[in-house]
Amino acid sequence: MEVGIQNSSFQEPADIKLSPAGLSFLASAAKWAIFLAILCFILIGLSAITMISLMFGASALSLDQGEYISASTISTFGILYLLMMAFSCLPIYFLYNFGSKAKKAIENRDSIQLELCLEALKKHYKFIGIIAIITIGFNFLGLVVGIILGISDAIAGV
C-alpha cells in the first residue's frame, strides 16, 4: 500500500544531497535520539523493577484486616503495568534505531543507512500517532460514558 502511495505522490529525484548544515542538524538529532532512547530504556527498566518488587511485596502490604488494596489487585495491576512497559519499548527502539543509523549514515556517507534511519523515524512517529489516536478515542469514550452515567444518576434522583 505504501509503495503505491510513494509512487503516486513523489517523483523519483535524480539526486538528493544534504548540505553541511543539514548533516549537522541530522547528527545533532541522532545524538539526542540515542540519548533519549537510552534514558527511556533505563527508566522503563527501573519502573519494571519497582513494579516487580511491589508485586512481590504486595502480600506484606495486605497483612492488616482493614486494607483496601489486596495483593491480587496489586498483582493484576502490576502485570498490566509490566505489559504496558514492554509495549512502550517498541517506539523507543525505533527512536534508538533512527539515532544509530543516522550516525552511521553520516560517518560513512551512506545513503542506504540514511534511508533506513528515516524509515525508523517514520515507524516511531507512526506508532506514536496511532497511540495518540487510541488515547483520544478512549478519552472521548470516557466522556460519553461519564455524561450518560451523570444523566442516569440525575434521572434516578441520586
N, C-alpha and C. Protein backbone atom coordinates (compact mmCIF):
# COMPACT_ATOMS: atom_id res chain seq x y z
N MET A 1 0.82 -1.19 0.00
CA MET A 1 0.00 0.00 0.00
C MET A 1 0.86 1.25 0.00
N GLU A 2 1.89 1.27 0.81
CA GLU A 2 2.73 2.46 0.89
C GLU A 2 3.54 2.67 -0.38
N VAL A 3 3.88 1.57 -1.08
CA VAL A 3 4.63 1.71 -2.32
C VAL A 3 3.80 2.45 -3.34
N GLY A 4 2.51 2.14 -3.42
CA GLY A 4 1.63 2.84 -4.35
C GLY A 4 1.49 4.31 -4.01
N ILE A 5 1.45 4.60 -2.72
CA ILE A 5 1.35 5.99 -2.29
C ILE A 5 2.62 6.74 -2.64
N GLN A 6 3.76 6.09 -2.42
CA GLN A 6 5.03 6.75 -2.71
C GLN A 6 5.16 7.01 -4.20
N ASN A 7 4.78 6.04 -5.03
CA ASN A 7 4.93 6.22 -6.46
C ASN A 7 3.98 7.27 -7.01
N SER A 8 2.81 7.41 -6.39
CA SER A 8 1.85 8.36 -6.93
C SER A 8 2.08 9.78 -6.44
N SER A 9 2.67 9.95 -5.25
CA SER A 9 2.79 11.30 -4.71
C SER A 9 4.21 11.87 -4.79
N PHE A 10 5.20 11.03 -5.01
CA PHE A 10 6.57 11.51 -5.08
C PHE A 10 7.18 11.14 -6.42
N GLN A 11 7.93 12.09 -6.96
CA GLN A 11 8.68 11.77 -8.16
C GLN A 11 10.09 11.38 -7.74
N GLU A 12 10.66 10.44 -8.45
CA GLU A 12 12.00 9.96 -8.15
C GLU A 12 13.00 11.08 -8.43
N PRO A 13 13.66 11.60 -7.39
CA PRO A 13 14.64 12.64 -7.64
C PRO A 13 15.92 12.07 -8.24
N ALA A 14 16.58 12.87 -9.02
CA ALA A 14 17.83 12.42 -9.62
C ALA A 14 18.89 12.20 -8.54
N ASP A 15 18.98 13.13 -7.61
CA ASP A 15 19.98 13.01 -6.56
C ASP A 15 19.61 13.97 -5.43
N ILE A 16 19.63 13.47 -4.22
CA ILE A 16 19.38 14.32 -3.07
C ILE A 16 20.66 14.40 -2.27
N LYS A 17 21.06 15.60 -1.93
CA LYS A 17 22.28 15.79 -1.13
C LYS A 17 21.94 16.69 0.03
N LEU A 18 22.58 16.43 1.15
CA LEU A 18 22.41 17.27 2.32
C LEU A 18 23.55 18.26 2.41
N SER A 19 23.20 19.47 2.75
CA SER A 19 24.23 20.49 2.95
C SER A 19 24.96 20.19 4.26
N PRO A 20 26.09 20.84 4.49
CA PRO A 20 26.78 20.65 5.78
C PRO A 20 25.89 21.01 6.97
N ALA A 21 25.06 22.03 6.81
CA ALA A 21 24.14 22.39 7.90
C ALA A 21 23.12 21.28 8.12
N GLY A 22 22.60 20.70 7.04
CA GLY A 22 21.64 19.60 7.16
C GLY A 22 22.27 18.39 7.83
N LEU A 23 23.52 18.08 7.47
CA LEU A 23 24.22 16.97 8.13
C LEU A 23 24.44 17.26 9.61
N SER A 24 24.72 18.51 9.93
CA SER A 24 24.91 18.90 11.32
C SER A 24 23.61 18.75 12.11
N PHE A 25 22.50 19.17 11.52
CA PHE A 25 21.20 19.02 12.17
C PHE A 25 20.86 17.55 12.38
N LEU A 26 21.13 16.73 11.36
CA LEU A 26 20.86 15.31 11.46
C LEU A 26 21.74 14.66 12.52
N ALA A 27 23.00 15.04 12.58
CA ALA A 27 23.90 14.50 13.60
C ALA A 27 23.45 14.88 15.00
N SER A 28 23.02 16.11 15.16
CA SER A 28 22.53 16.56 16.46
C SER A 28 21.25 15.82 16.85
N ALA A 29 20.34 15.66 15.91
CA ALA A 29 19.11 14.91 16.18
C ALA A 29 19.42 13.46 16.52
N ALA A 30 20.40 12.88 15.85
CA ALA A 30 20.78 11.49 16.13
C ALA A 30 21.33 11.35 17.54
N LYS A 31 22.18 12.28 17.96
CA LYS A 31 22.72 12.22 19.32
C LYS A 31 21.62 12.33 20.37
N TRP A 32 20.69 13.27 20.15
CA TRP A 32 19.60 13.42 21.11
C TRP A 32 18.67 12.22 21.10
N ALA A 33 18.44 11.64 19.93
CA ALA A 33 17.58 10.45 19.84
C ALA A 33 18.19 9.29 20.60
N ILE A 34 19.50 9.08 20.43
CA ILE A 34 20.17 8.00 21.16
C ILE A 34 20.11 8.25 22.66
N PHE A 35 20.40 9.49 23.07
CA PHE A 35 20.36 9.83 24.50
C PHE A 35 18.98 9.60 25.09
N LEU A 36 17.95 10.09 24.41
CA LEU A 36 16.58 9.94 24.92
C LEU A 36 16.15 8.48 24.94
N ALA A 37 16.54 7.71 23.93
CA ALA A 37 16.17 6.29 23.89
C ALA A 37 16.83 5.54 25.04
N ILE A 38 18.12 5.78 25.27
CA ILE A 38 18.80 5.11 26.37
C ILE A 38 18.19 5.52 27.70
N LEU A 39 17.90 6.80 27.87
CA LEU A 39 17.28 7.28 29.09
C LEU A 39 15.92 6.62 29.31
N CYS A 40 15.13 6.52 28.27
CA CYS A 40 13.81 5.88 28.38
C CYS A 40 13.94 4.39 28.70
N PHE A 41 14.91 3.70 28.08
CA PHE A 41 15.12 2.30 28.40
C PHE A 41 15.49 2.12 29.87
N ILE A 42 16.33 3.00 30.39
CA ILE A 42 16.72 2.94 31.80
C ILE A 42 15.52 3.18 32.69
N LEU A 43 14.72 4.20 32.37
CA LEU A 43 13.54 4.50 33.19
C LEU A 43 12.51 3.38 33.13
N ILE A 44 12.33 2.77 31.98
CA ILE A 44 11.41 1.64 31.86
C ILE A 44 11.93 0.48 32.70
N GLY A 45 13.23 0.23 32.66
CA GLY A 45 13.81 -0.83 33.47
C GLY A 45 13.63 -0.58 34.95
N LEU A 46 13.86 0.66 35.39
CA LEU A 46 13.66 1.00 36.80
C LEU A 46 12.19 0.86 37.20
N SER A 47 11.30 1.29 36.32
CA SER A 47 9.86 1.16 36.60
C SER A 47 9.46 -0.32 36.70
N ALA A 48 10.01 -1.14 35.82
CA ALA A 48 9.69 -2.56 35.85
C ALA A 48 10.22 -3.20 37.13
N ILE A 49 11.43 -2.85 37.53
CA ILE A 49 11.99 -3.39 38.78
C ILE A 49 11.15 -2.95 39.97
N THR A 50 10.73 -1.69 39.98
CA THR A 50 9.89 -1.19 41.06
C THR A 50 8.57 -1.94 41.11
N MET A 51 7.94 -2.15 39.96
CA MET A 51 6.65 -2.83 39.94
C MET A 51 6.80 -4.29 40.35
N ILE A 52 7.86 -4.95 39.91
CA ILE A 52 8.07 -6.35 40.30
C ILE A 52 8.28 -6.45 41.80
N SER A 53 9.06 -5.54 42.36
CA SER A 53 9.27 -5.58 43.82
C SER A 53 7.96 -5.27 44.56
N LEU A 54 7.14 -4.38 44.02
CA LEU A 54 5.85 -4.09 44.64
C LEU A 54 4.92 -5.30 44.55
N MET A 55 4.96 -6.00 43.44
CA MET A 55 4.11 -7.19 43.29
C MET A 55 4.52 -8.27 44.29
N PHE A 56 5.83 -8.48 44.46
CA PHE A 56 6.28 -9.49 45.40
C PHE A 56 6.08 -9.05 46.84
N GLY A 57 6.09 -7.75 47.07
CA GLY A 57 5.86 -7.25 48.41
C GLY A 57 4.41 -6.97 48.71
N ALA A 58 3.52 -7.27 47.78
CA ALA A 58 2.11 -6.96 47.96
C ALA A 58 1.49 -7.76 49.11
N SER A 59 1.97 -8.97 49.32
CA SER A 59 1.41 -9.76 50.41
C SER A 59 1.74 -9.13 51.75
N ALA A 60 2.88 -8.49 51.85
CA ALA A 60 3.24 -7.82 53.10
C ALA A 60 2.39 -6.57 53.31
N LEU A 61 1.95 -5.96 52.24
CA LEU A 61 1.12 -4.76 52.36
C LEU A 61 -0.29 -5.08 52.83
N SER A 62 -0.77 -6.27 52.54
CA SER A 62 -2.17 -6.59 52.84
C SER A 62 -2.30 -7.47 54.08
N LEU A 63 -1.39 -7.33 55.04
CA LEU A 63 -1.47 -8.14 56.26
C LEU A 63 -2.56 -7.65 57.19
N ASP A 64 -2.81 -6.36 57.23
CA ASP A 64 -3.86 -5.84 58.10
C ASP A 64 -5.23 -6.20 57.56
N GLN A 65 -6.19 -6.36 58.46
CA GLN A 65 -7.54 -6.74 58.06
C GLN A 65 -8.27 -5.60 57.36
N GLY A 66 -7.95 -4.36 57.69
CA GLY A 66 -8.68 -3.23 57.15
C GLY A 66 -8.12 -2.68 55.86
N GLU A 67 -7.24 -3.39 55.18
CA GLU A 67 -6.63 -2.89 53.95
C GLU A 67 -7.66 -2.84 52.83
N TYR A 68 -7.58 -1.81 52.03
CA TYR A 68 -8.50 -1.67 50.90
C TYR A 68 -7.93 -2.29 49.63
N ILE A 69 -6.62 -2.42 49.56
CA ILE A 69 -5.98 -2.94 48.37
C ILE A 69 -5.45 -4.33 48.69
N SER A 70 -5.88 -5.32 47.94
CA SER A 70 -5.43 -6.68 48.18
C SER A 70 -4.20 -6.99 47.34
N ALA A 71 -3.52 -8.06 47.69
CA ALA A 71 -2.33 -8.48 46.95
C ALA A 71 -2.68 -8.86 45.52
N SER A 72 -3.85 -9.47 45.32
CA SER A 72 -4.24 -9.86 43.96
C SER A 72 -4.51 -8.64 43.09
N THR A 73 -5.04 -7.58 43.68
CA THR A 73 -5.28 -6.35 42.92
C THR A 73 -3.96 -5.73 42.47
N ILE A 74 -3.01 -5.69 43.39
CA ILE A 74 -1.70 -5.13 43.05
C ILE A 74 -1.02 -6.01 42.01
N SER A 75 -1.12 -7.32 42.12
CA SER A 75 -0.51 -8.22 41.15
C SER A 75 -1.14 -8.06 39.78
N THR A 76 -2.45 -7.94 39.72
CA THR A 76 -3.12 -7.74 38.44
C THR A 76 -2.70 -6.42 37.81
N PHE A 77 -2.72 -5.36 38.62
CA PHE A 77 -2.27 -4.06 38.12
C PHE A 77 -0.81 -4.13 37.70
N GLY A 78 0.00 -4.84 38.46
CA GLY A 78 1.43 -4.96 38.15
C GLY A 78 1.68 -5.65 36.83
N ILE A 79 0.93 -6.71 36.56
CA ILE A 79 1.09 -7.43 35.29
C ILE A 79 0.68 -6.53 34.13
N LEU A 80 -0.43 -5.82 34.28
CA LEU A 80 -0.85 -4.88 33.22
C LEU A 80 0.17 -3.77 33.02
N TYR A 81 0.73 -3.29 34.12
CA TYR A 81 1.74 -2.23 34.05
C TYR A 81 3.00 -2.74 33.35
N LEU A 82 3.43 -3.95 33.65
CA LEU A 82 4.61 -4.52 33.01
C LEU A 82 4.37 -4.74 31.51
N LEU A 83 3.16 -5.15 31.14
CA LEU A 83 2.83 -5.29 29.72
C LEU A 83 2.88 -3.94 29.01
N MET A 84 2.37 -2.91 29.69
CA MET A 84 2.41 -1.56 29.12
C MET A 84 3.86 -1.09 28.96
N MET A 85 4.71 -1.39 29.93
CA MET A 85 6.12 -1.01 29.84
C MET A 85 6.80 -1.74 28.68
N ALA A 86 6.49 -3.02 28.52
CA ALA A 86 7.07 -3.78 27.40
C ALA A 86 6.59 -3.21 26.07
N PHE A 87 5.32 -2.85 26.00
CA PHE A 87 4.74 -2.27 24.78
C PHE A 87 5.38 -0.93 24.46
N SER A 88 5.73 -0.15 25.49
CA SER A 88 6.32 1.16 25.25
C SER A 88 7.77 1.09 24.81
N CYS A 89 8.37 -0.08 24.88
CA CYS A 89 9.75 -0.23 24.40
C CYS A 89 9.84 -0.14 22.88
N LEU A 90 8.77 -0.48 22.18
CA LEU A 90 8.81 -0.50 20.72
C LEU A 90 9.09 0.86 20.10
N PRO A 91 8.35 1.94 20.44
CA PRO A 91 8.70 3.22 19.82
C PRO A 91 10.07 3.73 20.25
N ILE A 92 10.50 3.36 21.44
CA ILE A 92 11.83 3.79 21.90
C ILE A 92 12.90 3.04 21.12
N TYR A 93 12.63 1.79 20.81
CA TYR A 93 13.55 1.02 19.97
C TYR A 93 13.66 1.66 18.59
N PHE A 94 12.53 2.08 18.02
CA PHE A 94 12.57 2.76 16.72
C PHE A 94 13.37 4.06 16.81
N LEU A 95 13.20 4.79 17.90
CA LEU A 95 13.96 6.03 18.09
C LEU A 95 15.45 5.75 18.18
N TYR A 96 15.81 4.71 18.92
CA TYR A 96 17.23 4.34 19.02
C TYR A 96 17.78 3.93 17.65
N ASN A 97 16.99 3.17 16.89
CA ASN A 97 17.42 2.79 15.53
C ASN A 97 17.64 4.01 14.66
N PHE A 98 16.74 4.98 14.77
CA PHE A 98 16.92 6.21 14.00
C PHE A 98 18.26 6.86 14.32
N GLY A 99 18.55 7.02 15.60
CA GLY A 99 19.78 7.68 16.01
C GLY A 99 21.03 6.94 15.59
N SER A 100 21.04 5.63 15.80
CA SER A 100 22.24 4.87 15.46
C SER A 100 22.44 4.78 13.95
N LYS A 101 21.36 4.61 13.20
CA LYS A 101 21.50 4.54 11.74
C LYS A 101 21.85 5.90 11.14
N ALA A 102 21.33 6.97 11.71
CA ALA A 102 21.68 8.31 11.23
C ALA A 102 23.17 8.58 11.50
N LYS A 103 23.64 8.16 12.65
CA LYS A 103 25.06 8.34 12.98
C LYS A 103 25.94 7.58 11.99
N LYS A 104 25.55 6.33 11.68
CA LYS A 104 26.30 5.54 10.70
C LYS A 104 26.23 6.16 9.31
N ALA A 105 25.06 6.67 8.96
CA ALA A 105 24.90 7.28 7.63
C ALA A 105 25.80 8.49 7.47
N ILE A 106 25.92 9.30 8.53
CA ILE A 106 26.75 10.50 8.45
C ILE A 106 28.23 10.12 8.44
N GLU A 107 28.61 9.18 9.30
CA GLU A 107 30.02 8.78 9.37
C GLU A 107 30.50 8.15 8.06
N ASN A 108 29.67 7.30 7.46
CA ASN A 108 30.07 6.56 6.25
C ASN A 108 29.58 7.21 4.96
N ARG A 109 28.84 8.30 5.07
CA ARG A 109 28.23 8.94 3.89
C ARG A 109 27.44 7.91 3.09
N ASP A 110 26.61 7.14 3.81
CA ASP A 110 25.89 6.02 3.23
C ASP A 110 24.42 6.39 3.07
N SER A 111 23.97 6.45 1.83
CA SER A 111 22.58 6.84 1.58
C SER A 111 21.60 5.74 1.98
N ILE A 112 22.03 4.48 1.94
CA ILE A 112 21.14 3.39 2.35
C ILE A 112 20.89 3.47 3.84
N GLN A 113 21.92 3.75 4.63
CA GLN A 113 21.73 3.93 6.07
C GLN A 113 20.85 5.14 6.36
N LEU A 114 20.97 6.18 5.54
CA LEU A 114 20.12 7.36 5.70
C LEU A 114 18.66 6.98 5.46
N GLU A 115 18.39 6.18 4.44
CA GLU A 115 17.03 5.73 4.19
C GLU A 115 16.52 4.88 5.34
N LEU A 116 17.37 4.00 5.86
CA LEU A 116 16.96 3.14 6.98
C LEU A 116 16.69 3.97 8.24
N CYS A 117 17.49 5.01 8.46
CA CYS A 117 17.25 5.85 9.64
C CYS A 117 15.94 6.61 9.49
N LEU A 118 15.65 7.09 8.30
CA LEU A 118 14.40 7.79 8.08
C LEU A 118 13.20 6.84 8.17
N GLU A 119 13.40 5.58 7.76
CA GLU A 119 12.34 4.58 7.92
C GLU A 119 12.06 4.33 9.40
N ALA A 120 13.12 4.24 10.20
CA ALA A 120 12.94 4.03 11.64
C ALA A 120 12.23 5.23 12.28
N LEU A 121 12.56 6.43 11.82
CA LEU A 121 11.89 7.63 12.34
C LEU A 121 10.42 7.63 11.94
N LYS A 122 10.13 7.20 10.71
CA LYS A 122 8.74 7.09 10.28
C LYS A 122 7.97 6.10 11.13
N LYS A 123 8.57 4.95 11.43
CA LYS A 123 7.93 3.95 12.27
C LYS A 123 7.67 4.50 13.67
N HIS A 124 8.64 5.24 14.20
CA HIS A 124 8.49 5.82 15.53
C HIS A 124 7.29 6.76 15.58
N TYR A 125 7.23 7.68 14.64
CA TYR A 125 6.14 8.65 14.65
C TYR A 125 4.80 8.03 14.27
N LYS A 126 4.81 7.03 13.43
CA LYS A 126 3.56 6.33 13.09
C LYS A 126 3.01 5.64 14.34
N PHE A 127 3.87 4.99 15.10
CA PHE A 127 3.47 4.32 16.34
C PHE A 127 2.92 5.33 17.33
N ILE A 128 3.63 6.45 17.52
CA ILE A 128 3.18 7.49 18.45
C ILE A 128 1.85 8.07 17.98
N GLY A 129 1.67 8.27 16.69
CA GLY A 129 0.41 8.79 16.15
C GLY A 129 -0.75 7.84 16.40
N ILE A 130 -0.53 6.54 16.20
CA ILE A 130 -1.59 5.56 16.43
C ILE A 130 -1.96 5.55 17.91
N ILE A 131 -0.97 5.59 18.79
CA ILE A 131 -1.24 5.62 20.23
C ILE A 131 -2.01 6.89 20.60
N ALA A 132 -1.66 8.01 19.98
CA ALA A 132 -2.38 9.26 20.25
C ALA A 132 -3.85 9.15 19.82
N ILE A 133 -4.09 8.55 18.67
CA ILE A 133 -5.47 8.37 18.19
C ILE A 133 -6.24 7.47 19.14
N ILE A 134 -5.62 6.37 19.57
CA ILE A 134 -6.28 5.46 20.51
C ILE A 134 -6.58 6.17 21.83
N THR A 135 -5.63 6.97 22.31
CA THR A 135 -5.82 7.71 23.56
C THR A 135 -6.98 8.70 23.44
N ILE A 136 -7.04 9.41 22.34
CA ILE A 136 -8.14 10.35 22.11
C ILE A 136 -9.47 9.60 22.07
N GLY A 137 -9.46 8.44 21.42
CA GLY A 137 -10.68 7.62 21.36
C GLY A 137 -11.15 7.18 22.74
N PHE A 138 -10.21 6.71 23.58
CA PHE A 138 -10.58 6.31 24.94
C PHE A 138 -11.06 7.49 25.77
N ASN A 139 -10.44 8.65 25.59
CA ASN A 139 -10.89 9.84 26.31
C ASN A 139 -12.29 10.24 25.88
N PHE A 140 -12.57 10.19 24.59
CA PHE A 140 -13.90 10.51 24.09
C PHE A 140 -14.92 9.50 24.61
N LEU A 141 -14.55 8.23 24.61
CA LEU A 141 -15.43 7.19 25.14
C LEU A 141 -15.71 7.42 26.62
N GLY A 142 -14.68 7.78 27.39
CA GLY A 142 -14.86 8.08 28.80
C GLY A 142 -15.77 9.28 29.02
N LEU A 143 -15.64 10.28 28.17
CA LEU A 143 -16.51 11.45 28.25
C LEU A 143 -17.96 11.07 28.00
N VAL A 144 -18.18 10.28 26.97
CA VAL A 144 -19.55 9.86 26.65
C VAL A 144 -20.14 9.01 27.78
N VAL A 145 -19.37 8.06 28.28
CA VAL A 145 -19.84 7.22 29.38
C VAL A 145 -20.12 8.07 30.62
N GLY A 146 -19.24 9.03 30.90
CA GLY A 146 -19.45 9.92 32.04
C GLY A 146 -20.71 10.74 31.92
N ILE A 147 -20.98 11.25 30.73
CA ILE A 147 -22.20 12.03 30.51
C ILE A 147 -23.43 11.14 30.67
N ILE A 148 -23.37 9.93 30.10
CA ILE A 148 -24.51 9.02 30.21
C ILE A 148 -24.75 8.64 31.66
N LEU A 149 -23.71 8.32 32.40
CA LEU A 149 -23.86 7.96 33.82
C LEU A 149 -24.35 9.16 34.64
N GLY A 150 -23.88 10.34 34.31
CA GLY A 150 -24.35 11.55 35.01
C GLY A 150 -25.82 11.81 34.76
N ILE A 151 -26.24 11.64 33.52
CA ILE A 151 -27.66 11.83 33.20
C ILE A 151 -28.51 10.76 33.88
N SER A 152 -28.03 9.51 33.86
CA SER A 152 -28.83 8.45 34.51
C SER A 152 -28.90 8.65 36.02
N ASP A 153 -27.83 9.15 36.63
CA ASP A 153 -27.88 9.46 38.07
C ASP A 153 -28.83 10.61 38.36
N ALA A 154 -28.84 11.60 37.49
CA ALA A 154 -29.73 12.74 37.69
C ALA A 154 -31.19 12.30 37.53
N ILE A 155 -31.47 11.44 36.58
CA ILE A 155 -32.83 10.95 36.37
C ILE A 155 -33.27 10.08 37.55
N ALA A 156 -32.34 9.27 38.08
CA ALA A 156 -32.68 8.37 39.19
C ALA A 156 -32.84 9.12 40.51
N GLY A 157 -32.39 10.37 40.54
CA GLY A 157 -32.54 11.19 41.72
C GLY A 157 -31.47 10.95 42.77
N VAL A 158 -30.33 10.53 42.35
CA VAL A 158 -29.23 10.26 43.30
C VAL A 158 -28.58 11.54 43.73
